[in-house]
Protein backbone atom coordinates (compact mmCIF):
# COMPACT_ATOMS: atom_id res chain seq x y z
CA MET A 1 0.00 0.00 0.00
CA ARG A 2 1.16 3.49 -0.74
CA GLU A 3 0.54 4.92 2.70
CA ALA A 4 1.20 8.51 1.62
CA ASP A 5 -1.46 8.24 -1.11
CA ALA A 6 -3.98 6.64 1.25
CA ALA A 7 -3.26 9.34 3.83
CA SER A 8 -3.77 12.00 1.15
CA ASP A 9 -7.16 10.51 0.28
CA ALA A 10 -8.13 10.46 3.96
CA ALA A 11 -7.04 14.10 4.33
CA ALA A 12 -9.18 15.10 1.33
CA LEU A 13 -12.20 13.34 2.83
CA HIS A 14 -11.65 15.06 6.20
CA ALA A 15 -11.32 18.45 4.47
CA TRP A 16 -14.56 17.87 2.56
CA ARG A 17 -16.28 16.88 5.81
CA LEU A 18 -15.20 20.17 7.42
CA GLN A 19 -16.45 22.23 4.46
CA CYS A 20 -19.84 20.60 3.95
CA PRO A 21 -22.49 20.46 6.70
CA GLN A 22 -24.36 17.66 4.88
CA VAL A 23 -21.23 15.51 4.87
CA ARG A 24 -20.51 16.36 8.51
CA ALA A 25 -23.94 15.01 9.39
CA LEU A 26 -23.12 11.70 7.66
CA TRP A 27 -19.53 11.17 8.76
CA TYR A 28 -18.40 11.38 12.36
CA GLU A 29 -14.97 12.78 13.04
CA SER A 30 -14.02 9.93 15.33
CA GLY A 31 -13.14 6.59 13.86
CA SER A 32 -11.55 5.63 10.60
CA VAL A 33 -12.55 7.08 7.23
CA THR A 34 -12.70 3.48 6.03
CA GLU A 35 -15.87 3.15 8.09
CA TRP A 36 -17.59 6.22 6.64
CA GLU A 37 -20.86 5.48 4.89
CA GLY A 38 -20.85 5.70 1.11
CA VAL A 39 -17.06 5.53 0.67
CA THR A 40 -15.43 2.42 -0.82
CA PHE A 41 -11.71 1.81 -0.58
CA ARG A 42 -9.43 -0.42 -2.62
CA LYS A 43 -8.75 -3.72 -0.88
CA ALA A 44 -5.47 -5.17 0.40
CA GLY A 45 -3.46 -6.74 -2.38
CA ASP A 46 -4.50 -4.05 -4.86
CA ALA A 47 -1.74 -1.79 -6.18
CA ASP A 48 -3.61 1.16 -4.68
CA ALA A 49 -4.84 -0.56 -1.51
CA GLY A 50 -6.32 1.84 1.01
CA ARG A 51 -7.18 4.48 -1.58
CA VAL A 52 -10.70 5.69 -2.27
CA MET A 53 -12.23 4.08 -5.32
CA HIS A 54 -15.90 5.09 -5.08
CA ILE A 55 -18.10 7.64 -3.33
CA GLN A 56 -21.87 7.06 -3.35
CA LEU A 57 -23.92 9.67 -1.51
CA VAL A 58 -26.87 10.41 -3.80
CA GLN A 59 -29.17 8.20 -1.74
CA LYS A 60 -28.41 10.48 1.21
CA GLY A 61 -29.64 13.54 -0.67
CA LEU A 62 -26.17 14.97 -1.27
CA THR A 63 -25.89 16.48 -4.74
CA GLY A 64 -23.55 18.91 -6.45
CA GLU A 65 -19.91 19.00 -7.37
CA LEU A 66 -17.19 17.23 -5.47
CA PRO A 67 -14.39 19.43 -4.15
CA ALA A 68 -11.40 19.76 -6.49
CA ALA A 69 -9.22 17.58 -4.23
CA LEU A 70 -11.68 14.73 -4.70
CA ASN A 71 -12.11 15.31 -8.41
CA SER A 72 -8.45 15.41 -9.43
CA PRO A 73 -6.73 12.99 -11.82
CA ARG A 74 -4.81 11.46 -8.91
CA TRP A 75 -8.04 9.66 -8.00
CA ARG A 76 -7.58 7.41 -11.02
CA GLY A 77 -9.88 4.47 -11.32
CA TRP A 78 -12.50 5.80 -8.95
CA SER A 79 -16.05 6.82 -9.60
CA SER A 80 -18.49 9.10 -7.86
CA ALA A 81 -22.23 9.17 -7.76
CA ALA A 82 -22.30 12.09 -5.35
CA THR A 83 -23.57 14.41 -8.05
CA GLY A 84 -26.52 12.28 -9.13
């Protein structure tokens, strides 16, 4: 696992949580981001293990654009349904 990349993904999720009240209501600050509802991470054994691969929050009523940090090319191979 590329721990720096996984840590960067976690930092981007935490930053989004701080900026968006709707996300704050879904994700508690305590605990691991890997337990946050609607976020899927790559599994152990994958080249990018520990990195975010999918965010699904439409069913929670969250719509709109993802922050730039979550929409950058470094998130290769991931998909998002946060925008509906």
